[in-house]
Amino acid sequence: MTQIQPITTESLQQAKRLIFSGEVVAIPTETVYGLGGNAFDDNAVKKIFEVKGRPNDNPLIAHVHKDYDLSRIVDYDPPYAQKLREAFLPGPLTLVYPSTGKVSPFVSCGLNTLAVRVPSHEGAQAFLREVGIPIVAPSANLSRHVSPTSAKHVFDDFEGKIPLILDGGECTGGIESTVCDCTGAYPVILRSGLVTKEMLAEVVGKCGEYTPDLSRGEKVKSPGVLYKHYAPRCKTLLFSEKNAKNAISAYVSQSLENKGVAVLCAEKWIEEFEKVGAKCLNLGKNQAEMAQRLYKLLREAERLCEVLIVVEPSEQGGIMTGVLNRLRKACTSEDVEKK
């Protein structure tokens, strides 16, 4: 039986008991809900991979409270990483360091690095202080399914599979944290998110972006790089905004062939789709809204329709780098170049 509990003194104590008995517990963060386990416990870490159906070459992120002594788990802390922590943490930024090797080797899939995050969600901080240890917590969804931004989303995927979900309300960020490699001379983004390349560069002067060469079998240091991710359980058709008229035509033709068709698009396109009778999911009118609403609307689309027509916003850069990355991993492209 899976319980959903508000975050109280009693539920935090219950969560702590479960964690130290080798169980996994779903926790809220400001980005998405995480499936948390003891980073030092091999069996707990393996259980996370098993429950999620997660490939064992996809590393996990260790979550700690804001006053945790990083020297326990991090072998080298470059000065620029300290500046990034001062500027952005607690918050939606994960930093990858050389590891001391104290956490389970299954956390980083055999690599000598460790990804560490300090979430800003008050409930997450309370939980992390209660347990007092690093908690590895990938998104609390079945592998490759849409990431969860509410306790209900977690329950839908893991009812009967985990003992406890700590309910911290709806996530405000909406997409996963930015992951930044801090093992070199300057930070390099491995996964885009709410903390943008421009924001990082403003603090430390230089910031790179990295794409692994998968053709050479290179191991990745960050989750969210490999595989199809974030996908709803309905057919998806992704169109670029410049070809929105083709998306309208696709809606009309799909409506003749399927019982349920819906459209996911930016607010400015809602009126055009409503003219042809489309049921619309409003992604929003700015970057922050689009990030916050994306996963919630992809989950809603599963309930509403058999086919989801998606119009990719034309806006580039900033938070949209992360939003577009998630859209392209979630949806089948009709005319958008995969990146």
C-alpha atoms as a PDB file:
ATOM      1  CA  MET A   1       0.000   0.000   0.000  1.00  0.00           C
ATOM      2  CA  THR A   2       1.284   3.445  -0.945  1.00  0.00           C
ATOM      3  CA  GLN A   3       0.528   6.326   1.416  1.00  0.00           C
ATOM      4  CA  ILE A   4       0.409   9.996   0.456  1.00  0.00           C
ATOM      5  CA  GLN A   5       1.211  12.091   3.522  1.00  0.00           C
ATOM      6  CA  PRO A   6       1.528  15.857   4.022  1.00  0.00           C
ATOM      7  CA  ILE A   7       4.915  16.902   5.329  1.00  0.00           C
ATOM      8  CA  THR A   8       4.707  16.914   9.114  1.00  0.00           C
ATOM      9  CA  THR A   9       6.995  15.963  11.985  1.00  0.00           C
ATOM     10  CA  GLU A  10       5.363  12.539  12.053  1.00  0.00           C
ATOM     11  CA  SER A  11       5.609  11.871   8.294  1.00  0.00           C
ATOM     12  CA  LEU A  12       9.240  13.005   8.233  1.00  0.00           C
ATOM     13  CA  GLN A  13      10.056  10.561  11.024  1.00  0.00           C
ATOM     14  CA  GLN A  14       8.211   7.831   9.124  1.00  0.00           C
ATOM     15  CA  ALA A  15      10.192   8.684   5.980  1.00  0.00           C
ATOM     16  CA  LYS A  16      13.464   8.535   7.927  1.00  0.00           C
ATOM     17  CA  ARG A  17      12.635   5.072   9.286  1.00  0.00           C
ATOM     18  CA  LEU A  18      11.848   3.855   5.778  1.00  0.00           C
ATOM     19  CA  ILE A  19      15.052   5.320   4.314  1.00  0.00           C
ATOM     20  CA  PHE A  20      17.251   3.688   6.947  1.00  0.00           C
ATOM     21  CA  SER A  21      15.487   0.367   6.462  1.00  0.00           C
ATOM     22  CA  GLY A  22      16.502   0.403   2.786  1.00  0.00           C
ATOM     23  CA  GLU A  23      13.200   1.597   1.329  1.00  0.00           C
ATOM     24  CA  VAL A  24      12.611   4.367  -1.205  1.00  0.00           C
ATOM     25  CA  VAL A  25      10.390   7.382  -0.526  1.00  0.00           C
ATOM     26  CA  ALA A  26       9.012   9.928  -2.996  1.00  0.00           C
ATOM     27  CA  ILE A  27       9.852  13.522  -2.082  1.00  0.00           C
ATOM     28  CA  PRO A  28       8.955  16.920  -3.540  1.00  0.00           C
ATOM     29  CA  THR A  29      11.474  19.387  -4.934  1.00  0.00           C
ATOM     30  CA  GLU A  30      10.983  22.736  -6.644  1.00  0.00           C
ATOM     31  CA  THR A  31      11.501  21.085 -10.059  1.00  0.00           C
ATOM     32  CA  VAL A  32       9.873  17.628 -10.056  1.00  0.00           C
ATOM     33  CA  TYR A  33       9.179  14.929  -7.461  1.00  0.00           C
ATOM     34  CA  GLY A  34      12.071  12.556  -6.760  1.00  0.00           C
ATOM     35  CA  LEU A  35      12.255   8.873  -5.826  1.00  0.00           C
ATOM     36  CA  GLY A  36      14.639   8.985  -2.884  1.00  0.00           C
ATOM     37  CA  GLY A  37      16.938   6.392  -1.333  1.00  0.00           C
ATOM     38  CA  ASN A  38      20.032   6.211   0.880  1.00  0.00           C
ATOM     39  CA  ALA A  39      23.047   7.090  -1.287  1.00  0.00           C
ATOM     40  CA  PHE A  40      25.315   4.904   0.869  1.00  0.00           C
ATOM     41  CA  ASP A  41      23.116   1.790   0.609  1.00  0.00           C
ATOM     42  CA  ASP A  42      23.828  -0.377  -2.455  1.00  0.00           C
ATOM     43  CA  ASN A  43      20.532  -2.240  -2.160  1.00  0.00           C
ATOM     44  CA  ALA A  44      18.475   0.944  -1.798  1.00  0.00           C
ATOM     45  CA  VAL A  45      20.139   2.456  -4.872  1.00  0.00           C
ATOM     46  CA  LYS A  46      19.560  -0.728  -6.867  1.00  0.00           C
ATOM     47  CA  LYS A  47      15.932  -0.728  -5.718  1.00  0.00           C
ATOM     48  CA  ILE A  48      15.453   2.733  -7.265  1.00  0.00           C
ATOM     49  CA  PHE A  49      16.690   1.456 -10.620  1.00  0.00           C
ATOM     50  CA  GLU A  50      14.433  -1.601 -10.347  1.00  0.00           C
ATOM     51  CA  VAL A  51      11.265   0.244  -9.293  1.00  0.00           C
ATOM     52  CA  LYS A  52      11.669   2.860 -12.020  1.00  0.00           C
ATOM     53  CA  GLY A  53      12.762   0.405 -14.701  1.00  0.00           C
ATOM     54  CA  ARG A  54      15.731   2.728 -15.177  1.00  0.00           C
ATOM     55  CA  PRO A  55      18.713   1.655 -17.349  1.00  0.00           C
ATOM     56  CA  ASN A  56      21.769   0.970 -15.167  1.00  0.00           C
ATOM     57  CA  ASP A  57      24.008   3.287 -17.205  1.00  0.00           C
ATOM     58  CA  ASN A  58      21.966   6.385 -16.302  1.00  0.00           C
ATOM     59  CA  PRO A  59      23.560   8.047 -13.215  1.00  0.00           C
ATOM     60  CA  LEU A  60      21.666   9.458 -10.245  1.00  0.00           C
ATOM     61  CA  ILE A  61      21.859  12.781  -8.409  1.00  0.00           C
ATOM     62  CA  ALA A  62      22.598  13.008  -4.671  1.00  0.00           C
ATOM     63  CA  HIS A  63      20.436  15.533  -2.808  1.00  0.00           C
ATOM     64  CA  VAL A  64      21.693  17.209   0.393  1.00  0.00           C
ATOM     65  CA  HIS A  65      20.485  19.956   2.713  1.00  0.00           C
ATOM     66  CA  LYS A  66      22.038  23.397   2.390  1.00  0.00           C
ATOM     67  CA  ASP A  67      24.442  23.005   5.331  1.00  0.00           C
ATOM     68  CA  TYR A  68      25.677  19.520   4.470  1.00  0.00           C
ATOM     69  CA  ASP A  69      29.480  19.102   4.510  1.00  0.00           C
ATOM     70  CA  LEU A  70      30.300  18.389   0.868  1.00  0.00           C
ATOM     71  CA  SER A  71      33.821  17.245   1.728  1.00  0.00           C
ATOM     72  CA  ARG A  72      32.299  13.968   2.923  1.00  0.00           C
ATOM     73  CA  ILE A  73      31.327  13.026  -0.620  1.00  0.00           C
ATOM     74  CA  VAL A  74      33.212  15.445  -2.923  1.00  0.00           C
ATOM     75  CA  ASP A  75      36.935  14.988  -3.560  1.00  0.00           C
ATOM     76  CA  TYR A  76      37.639  18.423  -5.078  1.00  0.00           C
ATOM     77  CA  ASP A  77      35.583  21.595  -4.915  1.00  0.00           C
ATOM     78  CA  PRO A  78      36.856  24.154  -7.475  1.00  0.00           C
ATOM     79  CA  PRO A  79      36.562  27.861  -6.596  1.00  0.00           C
ATOM     80  CA  TYR A  80      34.126  28.496  -9.452  1.00  0.00           C
ATOM     81  CA  ALA A  81      31.792  25.800  -8.062  1.00  0.00           C
ATOM     82  CA  GLN A  82      31.766  27.662  -4.754  1.00  0.00           C
ATOM     83  CA  LYS A  83      30.698  30.820  -6.604  1.00  0.00           C
ATOM     84  CA  LEU A  84      27.919  28.932  -8.368  1.00  0.00           C
ATOM     85  CA  ARG A  85      26.629  27.555  -5.076  1.00  0.00           C
ATOM     86  CA  GLU A  86      26.609  31.021  -3.544  1.00  0.00           C
ATOM     87  CA  ALA A  87      24.676  32.404  -6.515  1.00  0.00           C
ATOM     88  CA  PHE A  88      22.141  29.644  -7.190  1.00  0.00           C
ATOM     89  CA  LEU A  89      21.824  27.216  -4.295  1.00  0.00           C
ATOM     90  CA  PRO A  90      19.572  26.104  -2.832  1.00  0.00           C
ATOM     91  CA  GLY A  91      17.929  25.920  -6.237  1.00  0.00           C
ATOM     92  CA  PRO A  92      17.504  24.002  -9.489  1.00  0.00           C
ATOM     93  CA  LEU A  93      21.200  23.478 -10.230  1.00  0.00           C
ATOM     94  CA  THR A  94      23.113  20.192  -9.984  1.00  0.00           C
ATOM     95  CA  LEU A  95      26.915  20.279  -9.872  1.00  0.00           C
ATOM     96  CA  VAL A  96      29.083  17.290 -10.847  1.00  0.00           C
ATOM     97  CA  TYR A  97      32.286  16.875  -8.821  1.00  0.00           C
ATOM     98  CA  PRO A  98      35.084  14.321  -8.490  1.00  0.00           C
ATOM     99  CA  SER A  99      33.757  11.808  -5.956  1.00  0.00           C
ATOM    100  CA  THR A 100      35.380  10.622  -2.735  1.00  0.00           C
ATOM    101  CA  GLY A 101      33.923   7.214  -3.522  1.00  0.00           C
ATOM    102  CA  LYS A 102      32.007   7.106  -0.226  1.00  0.00           C
ATOM    103  CA  VAL A 103      28.555   6.742  -1.804  1.00  0.00           C
ATOM    104  CA  SER A 104      27.406   3.544  -3.461  1.00  0.00           C
ATOM    105  CA  PRO A 105      29.188   2.888  -6.784  1.00  0.00           C
ATOM    106  CA  PHE A 106      25.763   2.273  -8.321  1.00  0.00           C
ATOM    107  CA  VAL A 107      24.890   5.976  -7.907  1.00  0.00           C
ATOM    108  CA  SER A 108      27.255   7.129 -10.661  1.00  0.00           C
ATOM    109  CA  CYS A 109      27.152   3.907 -12.665  1.00  0.00           C
ATOM    110  CA  GLY A 110      30.849   3.206 -12.064  1.00  0.00           C
ATOM    111  CA  LEU A 111      32.118   6.717 -12.836  1.00  0.00           C
ATOM    112  CA  ASN A 112      34.485   8.554 -10.456  1.00  0.00           C
ATOM    113  CA  THR A 113      32.209  11.605 -10.368  1.00  0.00           C
ATOM    114  CA  LEU A 114      29.164  12.504  -8.288  1.00  0.00           C
ATOM    115  CA  ALA A 115      26.267  14.822  -9.164  1.00  0.00           C
ATOM    116  CA  VAL A 116      25.043  16.818  -6.137  1.00  0.00           C
ATOM    117  CA  ARG A 117      22.013  19.052  -5.763  1.00  0.00           C
ATOM    118  CA  VAL A 118      20.611  21.258  -2.987  1.00  0.00           C
ATOM    119  CA  PRO A 119      16.868  21.659  -3.641  1.00  0.00           C
ATOM    120  CA  SER A 120      15.145  24.845  -2.467  1.00  0.00           C
ATOM    121  CA  HIS A 121      11.770  23.250  -1.681  1.00  0.00           C
ATOM    122  CA  GLU A 122      11.153  23.674   2.069  1.00  0.00           C
ATOM    123  CA  GLY A 123       9.717  20.170   2.364  1.00  0.00           C
ATOM    124  CA  ALA A 124      12.751  18.672   0.647  1.00  0.00           C
ATOM    125  CA  GLN A 125      15.082  20.600   2.948  1.00  0.00           C
ATOM    126  CA  ALA A 126      13.138  19.411   6.007  1.00  0.00           C
ATOM    127  CA  PHE A 127      13.364  15.801   4.817  1.00  0.00           C
ATOM    128  CA  LEU A 128      17.083  16.044   4.026  1.00  0.00           C
ATOM    129  CA  ARG A 129      17.808  17.541   7.449  1.00  0.00           C
ATOM    130  CA  GLU A 130      15.754  14.808   9.105  1.00  0.00           C
ATOM    131  CA  VAL A 131      17.730  11.990   7.461  1.00  0.00           C
ATOM    132  CA  GLY A 132      21.078  13.817   7.568  1.00  0.00           C
ATOM    133  CA  ILE A 133      22.588  11.854   4.659  1.00  0.00           C
ATOM    134  CA  PRO A 134      22.773  12.282   0.869  1.00  0.00           C
ATOM    135  CA  ILE A 135      19.620  11.014  -0.797  1.00  0.00           C
ATOM    136  CA  VAL A 136      19.762   9.922  -4.424  1.00  0.00           C
ATOM    137  CA  ALA A 137      16.492  10.886  -6.070  1.00  0.00           C
ATOM    138  CA  PRO A 138      15.811  10.600  -9.794  1.00  0.00           C
ATOM    139  CA  SER A 139      12.430  11.829 -10.976  1.00  0.00           C
ATOM    140  CA  ALA A 140       9.642   9.789  -9.393  1.00  0.00           C
ATOM    141  CA  ASN A 141       8.163   8.389 -12.592  1.00  0.00           C
ATOM    142  CA  LEU A 142       8.470   5.143 -14.462  1.00  0.00           C
ATOM    143  CA  SER A 143      11.452   5.306 -16.790  1.00  0.00           C
ATOM    144  CA  ARG A 144      10.793   7.334 -19.960  1.00  0.00           C
ATOM    145  CA  HIS A 145       7.332   8.392 -18.777  1.00  0.00           C
ATOM    146  CA  VAL A 146       6.421  12.052 -18.127  1.00  0.00           C
ATOM    147  CA  SER A 147       8.154  13.445 -15.036  1.00  0.00           C
ATOM    148  CA  PRO A 148       5.877  14.103 -12.020  1.00  0.00           C
ATOM    149  CA  THR A 149       5.059  17.566 -10.709  1.00  0.00           C
ATOM    150  CA  SER A 150       2.513  16.479  -8.080  1.00  0.00           C
ATOM    151  CA  ALA A 151       2.089  13.697  -5.531  1.00  0.00           C
ATOM    152  CA  LYS A 152      -0.833  12.393  -7.608  1.00  0.00           C
ATOM    153  CA  HIS A 153       1.466  11.937 -10.618  1.00  0.00           C
ATOM    154  CA  VAL A 154       3.825   9.845  -8.471  1.00  0.00           C
ATOM    155  CA  PHE A 155       0.930   7.759  -7.141  1.00  0.00           C
ATOM    156  CA  ASP A 156      -0.292   7.094 -10.680  1.00  0.00           C
ATOM    157  CA  ASP A 157       3.068   5.516 -11.552  1.00  0.00           C
ATOM    158  CA  PHE A 158       3.966   3.795  -8.274  1.00  0.00           C
ATOM    159  CA  GLU A 159       0.763   2.803  -6.477  1.00  0.00           C
ATOM    160  CA  GLY A 160       1.593  -0.332  -4.498  1.00  0.00           C
ATOM    161  CA  LYS A 161       5.279  -0.176  -5.454  1.00  0.00           C
ATOM    162  CA  ILE A 162       6.634   2.294  -2.859  1.00  0.00           C
ATOM    163  CA  PRO A 163       5.514   2.804   0.758  1.00  0.00           C
ATOM    164  CA  LEU A 164       5.334   6.599   1.056  1.00  0.00           C
ATOM    165  CA  ILE A 165       4.929   9.803  -0.943  1.00  0.00           C
ATOM    166  CA  LEU A 166       5.612  13.052   0.903  1.00  0.00           C
ATOM    167  CA  ASP A 167       3.162  15.568  -0.537  1.00  0.00           C
ATOM    168  CA  GLY A 168       4.725  19.008  -0.900  1.00  0.00           C
ATOM    169  CA  GLY A 169       2.157  20.428  -3.343  1.00  0.00           C
ATOM    170  CA  GLU A 170       2.683  21.174  -7.015  1.00  0.00           C
ATOM    171  CA  CYS A 171       6.233  21.842  -8.160  1.00  0.00           C
ATOM    172  CA  THR A 172       6.887  25.446  -9.127  1.00  0.00           C
ATOM    173  CA  GLY A 173       9.803  24.912 -11.527  1.00  0.00           C
ATOM    174  CA  GLY A 174       8.382  22.197 -13.724  1.00  0.00           C
ATOM    175  CA  ILE A 175      11.449  20.772 -15.478  1.00  0.00           C
ATOM    176  CA  GLU A 176      14.492  19.067 -14.007  1.00  0.00           C
ATOM    177  CA  SER A 177      17.534  20.920 -12.700  1.00  0.00           C
ATOM    178  CA  THR A 178      20.363  22.165 -14.874  1.00  0.00           C
ATOM    179  CA  VAL A 179      23.307  19.761 -14.561  1.00  0.00           C
ATOM    180  CA  CYS A 180      26.765  21.333 -14.735  1.00  0.00           C
ATOM    181  CA  ASP A 181      30.095  19.478 -14.866  1.00  0.00           C
ATOM    182  CA  CYS A 182      32.589  21.010 -12.426  1.00  0.00           C
ATOM    183  CA  THR A 183      35.477  18.603 -13.007  1.00  0.00           C
ATOM    184  CA  GLY A 184      37.310  20.804 -15.512  1.00  0.00           C
ATOM    185  CA  ALA A 185      38.774  24.293 -15.719  1.00  0.00           C
ATOM    186  CA  TYR A 186      35.316  25.879 -16.119  1.00  0.00           C
ATOM    187  CA  PRO A 187      31.704  24.676 -15.793  1.00  0.00           C
ATOM    188  CA  VAL A 188      30.116  22.761 -18.660  1.00  0.00           C
ATOM    189  CA  ILE A 189      26.370  22.203 -18.961  1.00  0.00           C
ATOM    190  CA  LEU A 190      25.433  18.544 -19.354  1.00  0.00           C
ATOM    191  CA  ARG A 191      21.643  19.054 -19.156  1.00  0.00           C
ATOM    192  CA  SER A 192      19.778  22.332 -19.617  1.00  0.00           C
ATOM    193  CA  GLY A 193      17.240  23.512 -17.082  1.00  0.00           C
ATOM    194  CA  LEU A 194      15.965  26.532 -15.188  1.00  0.00           C
ATOM    195  CA  VAL A 195      19.454  27.916 -14.486  1.00  0.00           C
ATOM    196  CA  THR A 196      20.632  28.955 -17.926  1.00  0.00           C
ATOM    197  CA  LYS A 197      24.040  29.073 -19.568  1.00  0.00           C
ATOM    198  CA  GLU A 198      23.859  32.870 -19.584  1.00  0.00           C
ATOM    199  CA  MET A 199      23.165  32.967 -15.845  1.00  0.00           C
ATOM    200  CA  LEU A 200      26.091  30.671 -15.091  1.00  0.00           C
ATOM    201  CA  ALA A 201      28.485  32.598 -17.344  1.00  0.00           C
ATOM    202  CA  GLU A 202      27.530  35.862 -15.679  1.00  0.00           C
ATOM    203  CA  VAL A 203      28.773  34.500 -12.357  1.00  0.00           C
ATOM    204  CA  VAL A 204      31.952  32.667 -13.413  1.00  0.00           C
ATOM    205  CA  GLY A 205      32.828  34.266 -16.766  1.00  0.00           C
ATOM    206  CA  LYS A 206      32.778  31.150 -18.929  1.00  0.00           C
ATOM    207  CA  CYS A 207      30.409  28.231 -19.333  1.00  0.00           C
ATOM    208  CA  GLY A 208      30.424  25.497 -21.956  1.00  0.00           C
ATOM    209  CA  GLU A 209      27.848  23.030 -23.249  1.00  0.00           C
ATOM    210  CA  TYR A 210      28.533  19.372 -23.837  1.00  0.00           C
ATOM    211  CA  THR A 211      27.015  16.595 -25.926  1.00  0.00           C
ATOM    212  CA  PRO A 212      28.455  13.103 -25.422  1.00  0.00           C
ATOM    213  CA  ASP A 213      29.721  11.140 -28.405  1.00  0.00           C
ATOM    214  CA  LEU A 214      27.465   8.123 -27.970  1.00  0.00           C
ATOM    215  CA  SER A 215      28.811   6.488 -31.140  1.00  0.00           C
ATOM    216  CA  ARG A 216      32.048   5.791 -29.236  1.00  0.00           C
ATOM    217  CA  GLY A 217      30.251   4.298 -26.260  1.00  0.00           C
ATOM    218  CA  GLU A 218      31.088   7.261 -24.038  1.00  0.00           C
ATOM    219  CA  LYS A 219      29.557   7.131 -20.555  1.00  0.00           C
ATOM    220  CA  VAL A 220      27.432  10.097 -19.540  1.00  0.00           C
ATOM    221  CA  LYS A 221      27.873  12.006 -16.272  1.00  0.00           C
ATOM    222  CA  SER A 222      24.293  13.280 -16.165  1.00  0.00           C
ATOM    223  CA  PRO A 223      20.789  11.837 -16.228  1.00  0.00           C
ATOM    224  CA  GLY A 224      18.411  12.915 -18.983  1.00  0.00           C
ATOM    225  CA  VAL A 225      20.964  12.645 -21.793  1.00  0.00           C
ATOM    226  CA  LEU A 226      20.239   9.205 -23.222  1.00  0.00           C
ATOM    227  CA  TYR A 227      17.032   7.550 -24.387  1.00  0.00           C
ATOM    228  CA  LYS A 228      13.564   8.820 -25.080  1.00  0.00           C
ATOM    229  CA  HIS A 229      12.275  10.623 -21.996  1.00  0.00           C
ATOM    230  CA  TYR A 230       9.235  12.434 -20.651  1.00  0.00           C
ATOM    231  CA  ALA A 231       6.823  10.732 -23.084  1.00  0.00           C
ATOM    232  CA  PRO A 232       3.051  10.656 -22.517  1.00  0.00           C
ATOM    233  CA  ARG A 233       1.099   7.456 -23.172  1.00  0.00           C
ATOM    234  CA  CYS A 234      -0.625   8.787 -26.237  1.00  0.00           C
ATOM    235  CA  LYS A 235       0.468   9.334 -29.805  1.00  0.00           C
ATOM    236  CA  THR A 236       2.289  12.646 -30.263  1.00  0.00           C
ATOM    237  CA  LEU A 237       2.939  14.735 -33.364  1.00  0.00           C
ATOM    238  CA  LEU A 238       5.384  17.618 -32.955  1.00  0.00           C
ATOM    239  CA  PHE A 239       5.408  20.587 -35.333  1.00  0.00           C
ATOM    240  CA  SER A 240       7.583  23.682 -35.396  1.00  0.00           C
ATOM    241  CA  GLU A 241       5.786  26.970 -34.898  1.00  0.00           C
ATOM    242  CA  LYS A 242       6.639  28.073 -38.436  1.00  0.00           C
ATOM    243  CA  ASN A 243       4.563  25.120 -39.651  1.00  0.00           C
ATOM    244  CA  ALA A 244       1.632  25.679 -37.299  1.00  0.00           C
ATOM    245  CA  LYS A 245      -0.732  25.630 -40.281  1.00  0.00           C
ATOM    246  CA  ASN A 246       0.365  22.058 -40.956  1.00  0.00           C
ATOM    247  CA  ALA A 247      -0.391  21.283 -37.330  1.00  0.00           C
ATOM    248  CA  ILE A 248      -3.915  22.654 -37.792  1.00  0.00           C
ATOM    249  CA  SER A 249      -4.354  20.429 -40.858  1.00  0.00           C
ATOM    250  CA  ALA A 250      -3.022  17.480 -38.879  1.00  0.00           C
ATOM    251  CA  TYR A 251      -5.543  18.164 -36.132  1.00  0.00           C
ATOM    252  CA  VAL A 252      -8.402  18.127 -38.623  1.00  0.00           C
ATOM    253  CA  SER A 253      -7.270  14.895 -40.295  1.00  0.00           C
ATOM    254  CA  GLN A 254      -6.517  13.145 -36.996  1.00  0.00           C
ATOM    255  CA  SER A 255      -9.934  14.157 -35.656  1.00  0.00           C
ATOM    256  CA  LEU A 256     -11.551  12.223 -38.489  1.00  0.00           C
ATOM    257  CA  GLU A 257      -9.535   9.087 -37.658  1.00  0.00           C
ATOM    258  CA  ASN A 258      -9.388   9.100 -33.837  1.00  0.00           C
ATOM    259  CA  LYS A 259     -11.862   9.494 -30.996  1.00  0.00           C
ATOM    260  CA  GLY A 260      -9.782  11.960 -29.032  1.00  0.00           C
ATOM    261  CA  VAL A 261      -7.383  14.601 -30.322  1.00  0.00           C
ATOM    262  CA  ALA A 262      -5.971  17.579 -28.399  1.00  0.00           C
ATOM    263  CA  VAL A 263      -3.462  20.347 -29.061  1.00  0.00           C
ATOM    264  CA  LEU A 264      -0.597  21.557 -26.867  1.00  0.00           C
ATOM    265  CA  CYS A 265       0.637  25.008 -27.870  1.00  0.00           C
ATOM    266  CA  ALA A 266       1.669  28.443 -26.649  1.00  0.00           C
ATOM    267  CA  GLU A 267      -1.107  30.794 -25.665  1.00  0.00           C
ATOM    268  CA  LYS A 268      -0.817  32.857 -28.858  1.00  0.00           C
ATOM    269  CA  TRP A 269      -1.952  29.872 -30.979  1.00  0.00           C
ATOM    270  CA  ILE A 270      -4.975  28.887 -28.889  1.00  0.00           C
ATOM    271  CA  GLU A 271      -7.445  31.031 -30.832  1.00  0.00           C
ATOM    272  CA  GLU A 272      -6.346  29.621 -34.206  1.00  0.00           C
ATOM    273  CA  PHE A 273      -6.851  26.035 -33.066  1.00  0.00           C
ATOM    274  CA  GLU A 274     -10.153  26.792 -31.382  1.00  0.00           C
ATOM    275  CA  LYS A 275     -11.474  28.015 -34.754  1.00  0.00           C
ATOM    276  CA  VAL A 276     -11.337  24.391 -35.960  1.00  0.00           C
ATOM    277  CA  GLY A 277     -12.862  23.085 -32.750  1.00  0.00           C
ATOM    278  CA  ALA A 278      -9.655  21.881 -31.102  1.00  0.00           C
ATOM    279  CA  LYS A 279      -9.425  21.032 -27.430  1.00  0.00           C
ATOM    280  CA  CYS A 280      -6.371  23.058 -26.390  1.00  0.00           C
ATOM    281  CA  LEU A 281      -3.832  22.715 -23.611  1.00  0.00           C
ATOM    282  CA  ASN A 282      -2.332  26.154 -22.991  1.00  0.00           C
ATOM    283  CA  LEU A 283       1.450  25.910 -22.564  1.00  0.00           C
ATOM    284  CA  GLY A 284       1.617  29.577 -21.562  1.00  0.00           C
ATOM    285  CA  LYS A 285       2.904  32.899 -22.800  1.00  0.00           C
ATOM    286  CA  ASN A 286       6.431  33.063 -21.374  1.00  0.00           C
ATOM    287  CA  GLN A 287       9.402  30.805 -20.621  1.00  0.00           C
ATOM    288  CA  ALA A 288       8.688  30.301 -16.924  1.00  0.00           C
ATOM    289  CA  GLU A 289       5.049  29.357 -17.551  1.00  0.00           C
ATOM    290  CA  MET A 290       6.019  26.910 -20.283  1.00  0.00           C
ATOM    291  CA  ALA A 291       8.546  25.179 -18.042  1.00  0.00           C
ATOM    292  CA  GLN A 292       6.120  24.979 -15.130  1.00  0.00           C
ATOM    293  CA  ARG A 293       3.185  23.665 -17.175  1.00  0.00           C
ATOM    294  CA  LEU A 294       4.884  21.274 -19.581  1.00  0.00           C
ATOM    295  CA  TYR A 295       4.830  17.993 -17.641  1.00  0.00           C
ATOM    296  CA  LYS A 296       1.457  18.662 -16.036  1.00  0.00           C
ATOM    297  CA  LEU A 297      -0.084  19.181 -19.474  1.00  0.00           C
ATOM    298  CA  LEU A 298       1.600  16.116 -20.986  1.00  0.00           C
ATOM    299  CA  ARG A 299       0.106  14.076 -18.136  1.00  0.00           C
ATOM    300  CA  GLU A 300      -3.279  15.691 -18.704  1.00  0.00           C
ATOM    301  CA  ALA A 301      -3.062  14.848 -22.407  1.00  0.00           C
ATOM    302  CA  GLU A 302      -2.868  11.148 -21.533  1.00  0.00           C
ATOM    303  CA  ARG A 303      -6.270  11.456 -19.882  1.00  0.00           C
ATOM    304  CA  LEU A 304      -7.850  13.573 -22.586  1.00  0.00           C
ATOM    305  CA  CYS A 305      -6.783  12.133 -25.905  1.00  0.00           C
ATOM    306  CA  GLU A 306      -5.402   9.380 -28.099  1.00  0.00           C
ATOM    307  CA  VAL A 307      -3.429  11.832 -30.246  1.00  0.00           C
ATOM    308  CA  LEU A 308      -1.680  15.000 -29.089  1.00  0.00           C
ATOM    309  CA  ILE A 309      -0.713  17.633 -31.647  1.00  0.00           C
ATOM    310  CA  VAL A 310       2.175  19.708 -30.270  1.00  0.00           C
ATOM    311  CA  VAL A 311       3.336  23.057 -31.647  1.00  0.00           C
ATOM    312  CA  GLU A 312       6.883  23.757 -30.536  1.00  0.00           C
ATOM    313  CA  PRO A 313       7.385  27.393 -29.435  1.00  0.00           C
ATOM    314  CA  SER A 314       9.755  29.335 -31.672  1.00  0.00           C
ATOM    315  CA  GLU A 315      11.468  31.157 -28.809  1.00  0.00           C
ATOM    316  CA  GLN A 316      15.055  30.002 -28.312  1.00  0.00           C
ATOM    317  CA  GLY A 317      17.652  30.331 -25.565  1.00  0.00           C
ATOM    318  CA  GLY A 318      17.358  30.763 -21.823  1.00  0.00           C
ATOM    319  CA  ILE A 319      14.955  28.400 -20.074  1.00  0.00           C
ATOM    320  CA  MET A 320      13.524  27.432 -23.474  1.00  0.00           C
ATOM    321  CA  THR A 321      16.662  25.409 -24.174  1.00  0.00           C
ATOM    322  CA  GLY A 322      15.561  23.009 -21.444  1.00  0.00           C
ATOM    323  CA  VAL A 323      11.870  23.144 -22.389  1.00  0.00           C
ATOM    324  CA  LEU A 324      12.572  22.363 -26.053  1.00  0.00           C
ATOM    325  CA  ASN A 325      14.944  19.568 -25.061  1.00  0.00           C
ATOM    326  CA  ARG A 326      12.145  17.918 -23.071  1.00  0.00           C
ATOM    327  CA  LEU A 327       9.566  18.406 -25.809  1.00  0.00           C
ATOM    328  CA  ARG A 328      11.802  16.840 -28.441  1.00  0.00           C
ATOM    329  CA  LYS A 329      12.583  13.845 -26.225  1.00  0.00           C
ATOM    330  CA  ALA A 330       8.891  13.384 -25.397  1.00  0.00           C
ATOM    331  CA  CYS A 331       7.275  13.791 -28.795  1.00  0.00           C
ATOM    332  CA  THR A 332       7.466  12.291 -32.279  1.00  0.00           C
ATOM    333  CA  SER A 333       8.603  14.962 -34.685  1.00  0.00           C
ATOM    334  CA  GLU A 334       6.782  15.713 -37.906  1.00  0.00           C
ATOM    335  CA  ASP A 335       8.992  18.567 -39.046  1.00  0.00           C
ATOM    336  CA  VAL A 336      11.216  19.554 -36.111  1.00  0.00           C
ATOM    337  CA  GLU A 337      14.894  18.646 -36.374  1.00  0.00           C
ATOM    338  CA  LYS A 338      15.875  16.417 -33.432  1.00  0.00           C
ATOM    339  CA  LYS A 339      18.731  17.768 -31.349  1.00  0.00           C
END
